Amino acid sequence: MVSAGQSVGLTVIVRVADPDPTLVAIALDAKADGVLVPYCEDSETIQRCAWKTYLHPLKGKAFKGCIDFRKIS
């Protein structure tokens, strides 16, 4: 559904079922443009979910370092 929406130019926001960082990561793995996390009742839950979006393994500086294989040799 994410790729179908993006193919027609829509910004796709995925609402996960629970405030679970693993579900946030799954939504980001599906290449969603954003994630809506319901039922966040304490700051610890919000921080854990936000941390998954900040340092997601497929995005950002961490990913660029992994694919730059020329640094190894």
N, C-alpha and C. Protein backbone atom coordinates (compact mmCIF):
# COMPACT_ATOMS: atom_id res chain seq x y z
N MET A 1 0.82 -1.18 0.00
CA MET A 1 0.00 0.00 0.00
C MET A 1 0.87 1.26 0.00
N VAL A 2 2.01 1.18 0.68
CA VAL A 2 2.90 2.34 0.72
C VAL A 2 3.40 2.68 -0.67
N SER A 3 3.90 1.69 -1.38
CA SER A 3 4.43 1.96 -2.72
C SER A 3 3.32 2.37 -3.68
N ALA A 4 2.12 1.86 -3.50
CA ALA A 4 1.00 2.26 -4.37
C ALA A 4 0.68 3.74 -4.17
N GLY A 5 0.65 4.18 -2.94
CA GLY A 5 0.38 5.59 -2.67
C GLY A 5 1.48 6.49 -3.17
N GLN A 6 2.72 6.08 -2.97
CA GLN A 6 3.85 6.89 -3.41
C GLN A 6 3.96 6.94 -4.92
N SER A 7 3.50 5.88 -5.60
CA SER A 7 3.59 5.86 -7.06
C SER A 7 2.69 6.90 -7.72
N VAL A 8 1.66 7.34 -7.01
CA VAL A 8 0.79 8.38 -7.56
C VAL A 8 1.06 9.74 -6.92
N GLY A 9 2.17 9.85 -6.19
CA GLY A 9 2.60 11.13 -5.66
C GLY A 9 2.07 11.49 -4.28
N LEU A 10 1.52 10.54 -3.55
CA LEU A 10 1.01 10.82 -2.22
C LEU A 10 2.11 10.69 -1.17
N THR A 11 2.00 11.46 -0.11
CA THR A 11 2.84 11.28 1.06
C THR A 11 2.15 10.26 1.95
N VAL A 12 2.82 9.17 2.25
CA VAL A 12 2.19 8.06 2.96
C VAL A 12 2.60 8.09 4.43
N ILE A 13 1.60 8.23 5.30
CA ILE A 13 1.79 8.18 6.75
C ILE A 13 1.15 6.88 7.23
N VAL A 14 1.92 6.06 7.93
CA VAL A 14 1.43 4.77 8.42
C VAL A 14 1.10 4.90 9.89
N ARG A 15 -0.12 4.47 10.27
CA ARG A 15 -0.50 4.42 11.68
C ARG A 15 -0.26 3.01 12.18
N VAL A 16 0.62 2.88 13.17
CA VAL A 16 0.90 1.57 13.73
C VAL A 16 -0.16 1.24 14.78
N ALA A 17 -0.32 -0.05 15.08
CA ALA A 17 -1.39 -0.48 15.98
C ALA A 17 -1.13 -0.12 17.45
N ASP A 18 0.12 -0.19 17.86
CA ASP A 18 0.49 0.05 19.25
C ASP A 18 1.76 0.90 19.29
N PRO A 19 2.05 1.53 20.42
CA PRO A 19 3.29 2.30 20.54
C PRO A 19 4.50 1.40 20.77
N ASP A 20 4.80 0.60 19.77
CA ASP A 20 5.89 -0.37 19.85
C ASP A 20 6.98 0.04 18.87
N PRO A 21 8.21 0.25 19.34
CA PRO A 21 9.30 0.66 18.44
C PRO A 21 9.53 -0.32 17.29
N THR A 22 9.25 -1.60 17.50
CA THR A 22 9.42 -2.58 16.42
C THR A 22 8.43 -2.31 15.30
N LEU A 23 7.20 -1.94 15.63
CA LEU A 23 6.20 -1.62 14.61
C LEU A 23 6.59 -0.36 13.85
N VAL A 24 7.21 0.59 14.54
CA VAL A 24 7.70 1.80 13.88
C VAL A 24 8.78 1.42 12.87
N ALA A 25 9.68 0.54 13.25
CA ALA A 25 10.74 0.10 12.34
C ALA A 25 10.17 -0.63 11.13
N ILE A 26 9.14 -1.44 11.34
CA ILE A 26 8.51 -2.16 10.22
C ILE A 26 7.88 -1.18 9.25
N ALA A 27 7.22 -0.15 9.77
CA ALA A 27 6.62 0.86 8.89
C ALA A 27 7.69 1.60 8.10
N LEU A 28 8.81 1.90 8.73
CA LEU A 28 9.89 2.58 8.02
C LEU A 28 10.56 1.66 7.01
N ASP A 29 10.64 0.37 7.31
CA ASP A 29 11.17 -0.60 6.35
C ASP A 29 10.30 -0.68 5.10
N ALA A 30 9.01 -0.40 5.27
CA ALA A 30 8.09 -0.40 4.13
C ALA A 30 8.19 0.91 3.34
N LYS A 31 9.13 1.78 3.74
CA LYS A 31 9.42 3.05 3.09
C LYS A 31 8.30 4.08 3.26
N ALA A 32 7.63 4.04 4.40
CA ALA A 32 6.62 5.05 4.71
C ALA A 32 7.30 6.41 4.88
N ASP A 33 6.59 7.46 4.50
CA ASP A 33 7.12 8.81 4.66
C ASP A 33 7.03 9.30 6.10
N GLY A 34 6.12 8.73 6.86
CA GLY A 34 5.95 9.12 8.25
C GLY A 34 5.23 8.03 9.01
N VAL A 35 5.27 8.12 10.34
CA VAL A 35 4.63 7.12 11.19
C VAL A 35 3.81 7.84 12.25
N LEU A 36 2.56 7.41 12.42
CA LEU A 36 1.69 7.93 13.47
C LEU A 36 1.62 6.87 14.56
N VAL A 37 2.03 7.24 15.78
CA VAL A 37 2.07 6.29 16.89
C VAL A 37 0.97 6.66 17.88
N PRO A 38 -0.05 5.79 18.06
CA PRO A 38 -1.15 6.09 18.97
C PRO A 38 -0.84 5.68 20.41
N TYR A 39 -1.64 6.17 21.32
CA TYR A 39 -1.62 5.73 22.72
C TYR A 39 -0.29 5.95 23.43
N CYS A 40 0.40 7.01 23.12
CA CYS A 40 1.65 7.32 23.83
C CYS A 40 1.29 8.02 25.13
N GLU A 41 1.41 7.30 26.23
CA GLU A 41 0.98 7.83 27.51
C GLU A 41 2.11 8.27 28.43
N ASP A 42 3.35 7.93 28.08
CA ASP A 42 4.46 8.38 28.91
C ASP A 42 5.65 8.76 28.03
N SER A 43 6.54 9.52 28.60
CA SER A 43 7.67 10.03 27.82
C SER A 43 8.65 8.93 27.41
N GLU A 44 8.74 7.87 28.18
CA GLU A 44 9.65 6.78 27.84
C GLU A 44 9.23 6.10 26.53
N THR A 45 7.94 5.87 26.37
CA THR A 45 7.43 5.26 25.14
C THR A 45 7.68 6.16 23.95
N ILE A 46 7.46 7.43 24.12
CA ILE A 46 7.69 8.39 23.04
C ILE A 46 9.16 8.41 22.65
N GLN A 47 10.04 8.40 23.64
CA GLN A 47 11.48 8.42 23.35
C GLN A 47 11.93 7.16 22.63
N ARG A 48 11.42 5.99 23.03
CA ARG A 48 11.81 4.74 22.37
C ARG A 48 11.34 4.72 20.91
N CYS A 49 10.12 5.19 20.66
CA CYS A 49 9.61 5.22 19.28
C CYS A 49 10.36 6.26 18.45
N ALA A 50 10.64 7.40 19.03
CA ALA A 50 11.36 8.44 18.31
C ALA A 50 12.79 8.00 18.00
N TRP A 51 13.40 7.26 18.89
CA TRP A 51 14.76 6.77 18.67
C TRP A 51 14.82 5.86 17.45
N LYS A 52 13.79 5.06 17.23
CA LYS A 52 13.74 4.19 16.05
C LYS A 52 13.70 5.00 14.76
N THR A 53 13.07 6.16 14.79
CA THR A 53 13.01 6.97 13.57
C THR A 53 14.30 7.73 13.36
N TYR A 54 14.98 8.09 14.44
CA TYR A 54 16.20 8.89 14.32
C TYR A 54 17.37 8.05 13.83
N LEU A 55 17.53 6.87 14.37
CA LEU A 55 18.65 6.00 13.99
C LEU A 55 18.14 4.73 13.34
N HIS A 56 17.28 4.87 12.38
CA HIS A 56 16.77 3.71 11.67
C HIS A 56 17.90 3.13 10.82
N PRO A 57 18.07 1.83 10.78
CA PRO A 57 19.23 1.24 10.11
C PRO A 57 19.30 1.47 8.61
N LEU A 58 18.21 1.81 7.95
CA LEU A 58 18.24 1.97 6.50
C LEU A 58 18.40 3.42 6.06
N LYS A 59 18.54 4.34 7.01
CA LYS A 59 18.60 5.75 6.66
C LYS A 59 19.76 6.43 7.37
N GLY A 60 20.11 7.58 6.90
CA GLY A 60 21.04 8.44 7.60
C GLY A 60 22.50 8.08 7.43
N LYS A 61 23.30 8.64 8.32
CA LYS A 61 24.75 8.50 8.25
C LYS A 61 25.20 7.05 8.43
N ALA A 62 24.51 6.30 9.28
CA ALA A 62 24.90 4.91 9.51
C ALA A 62 24.81 4.10 8.22
N PHE A 63 23.77 4.30 7.44
CA PHE A 63 23.60 3.56 6.20
C PHE A 63 24.65 3.96 5.17
N LYS A 64 24.95 5.24 5.08
CA LYS A 64 25.95 5.71 4.11
C LYS A 64 27.31 5.11 4.41
N GLY A 65 27.66 4.97 5.68
CA GLY A 65 28.93 4.36 6.04
C GLY A 65 28.99 2.89 5.71
N CYS A 66 27.86 2.22 5.77
CA CYS A 66 27.82 0.79 5.46
C CYS A 66 28.00 0.53 3.98
N ILE A 67 27.46 1.39 3.14
CA ILE A 67 27.53 1.11 1.71
C ILE A 67 28.79 1.65 1.06
N ASP A 68 29.57 2.44 1.79
CA ASP A 68 30.80 2.97 1.23
C ASP A 68 31.93 1.97 1.48
N PHE A 69 32.00 0.94 0.65
CA PHE A 69 32.96 -0.14 0.85
C PHE A 69 34.39 0.28 0.55
N ARG A 70 34.60 1.40 -0.11
CA ARG A 70 35.95 1.84 -0.45
C ARG A 70 36.75 2.21 0.79
N LYS A 71 36.09 2.53 1.90
CA LYS A 71 36.80 2.88 3.12
C LYS A 71 37.52 1.67 3.72
N ILE A 72 37.06 0.48 3.41
CA ILE A 72 37.64 -0.73 3.99
C ILE A 72 39.00 -1.03 3.39
N SER A 73 39.14 -0.90 2.10
CA SER A 73 40.40 -1.27 1.44
C SER A 73 41.40 -0.15 1.41
